[in-house]
């Protein structure tokens, strides 16, 4: 999966990384490399399935889709 990430230099120093396609997925770092490392982790956590939020439907077929 490829996602567009915007890096914005902060006035205070460092960088802010934003993923527009994942609302609220924002991270920061002192360097571009650190900001990208941090946003990668934020994306992984954002997309990680949460078992409490899933449910099963009786007599339904479960299908997984790769996106």
Protein backbone atom coordinates (compact mmCIF):
# COMPACT_ATOMS: atom_id res chain seq x y z
CA UNK A 1 0.00 0.00 0.00
CA UNK A 2 1.27 3.46 -0.83
CA UNK A 3 0.07 6.55 1.02
CA UNK A 4 0.86 10.18 0.34
CA UNK A 5 2.61 11.84 3.30
CA UNK A 6 3.16 15.58 3.56
CA UNK A 7 6.18 16.86 5.49
CA UNK A 8 5.96 20.37 6.82
CA UNK A 9 8.83 22.15 8.52
CA UNK A 10 7.78 23.53 11.91
CA UNK A 11 8.60 27.07 12.94
CA UNK A 12 9.97 25.73 16.23
CA UNK A 13 12.21 23.29 14.37
CA UNK A 14 11.63 19.74 13.29
CA UNK A 15 8.99 18.40 10.94
CA UNK A 16 5.33 17.48 11.04
CA UNK A 17 4.15 14.55 8.92
CA UNK A 18 0.51 14.37 7.83
CA UNK A 19 -1.37 11.60 6.00
CA UNK A 20 -4.41 13.27 4.38
CA UNK A 21 -6.12 9.97 3.51
CA UNK A 22 -6.07 8.90 7.19
CA UNK A 23 -7.85 11.64 9.16
CA UNK A 24 -6.00 12.51 12.35
CA UNK A 25 -2.88 10.54 11.40
CA UNK A 26 -0.17 13.08 12.24
CA UNK A 27 3.30 12.73 13.73
CA UNK A 28 6.44 14.77 14.27
CA UNK A 29 10.19 14.40 14.37
CA UNK A 30 13.32 16.50 14.83
CA UNK A 31 14.54 15.49 11.34
CA UNK A 32 12.82 14.41 8.13
CA UNK A 33 14.02 10.86 8.72
CA UNK A 34 12.66 10.79 12.27
CA UNK A 35 9.33 12.28 11.17
CA UNK A 36 9.00 9.62 8.45
CA UNK A 37 9.90 6.84 10.90
CA UNK A 38 7.32 8.15 13.36
CA UNK A 39 4.57 8.56 10.76
CA UNK A 40 5.20 5.00 9.50
CA UNK A 41 4.57 3.75 13.05
CA UNK A 42 1.49 5.99 13.35
CA UNK A 43 0.11 4.60 10.07
CA UNK A 44 0.67 1.01 11.22
CA UNK A 45 -1.16 1.72 14.49
CA UNK A 46 -3.93 3.57 12.66
CA UNK A 47 -4.54 0.63 10.34
CA UNK A 48 -4.12 -2.09 12.96
CA UNK A 49 -7.40 -3.93 13.41
CA UNK A 50 -8.96 -3.59 16.81
CA UNK A 51 -10.68 -6.78 17.91
CA UNK A 52 -13.21 -4.91 20.05
CA UNK A 53 -14.44 -3.04 16.96
CA UNK A 54 -15.06 -6.16 14.89
CA UNK A 55 -18.15 -8.29 14.97
CA UNK A 56 -19.40 -11.42 13.32
CA UNK A 57 -22.62 -11.87 11.42
CA UNK A 58 -24.27 -15.26 11.83
CA UNK A 59 -24.51 -17.35 8.65
CA UNK A 60 -22.42 -14.85 6.67
CA UNK A 61 -19.26 -15.53 4.72
CA UNK A 62 -16.21 -13.65 5.97
CA UNK A 63 -13.95 -12.29 3.24
CA UNK A 64 -10.70 -10.34 3.65
CA UNK A 65 -9.67 -7.72 1.10
CA UNK A 66 -6.13 -6.44 0.65
CA UNK A 67 -6.05 -2.70 0.15
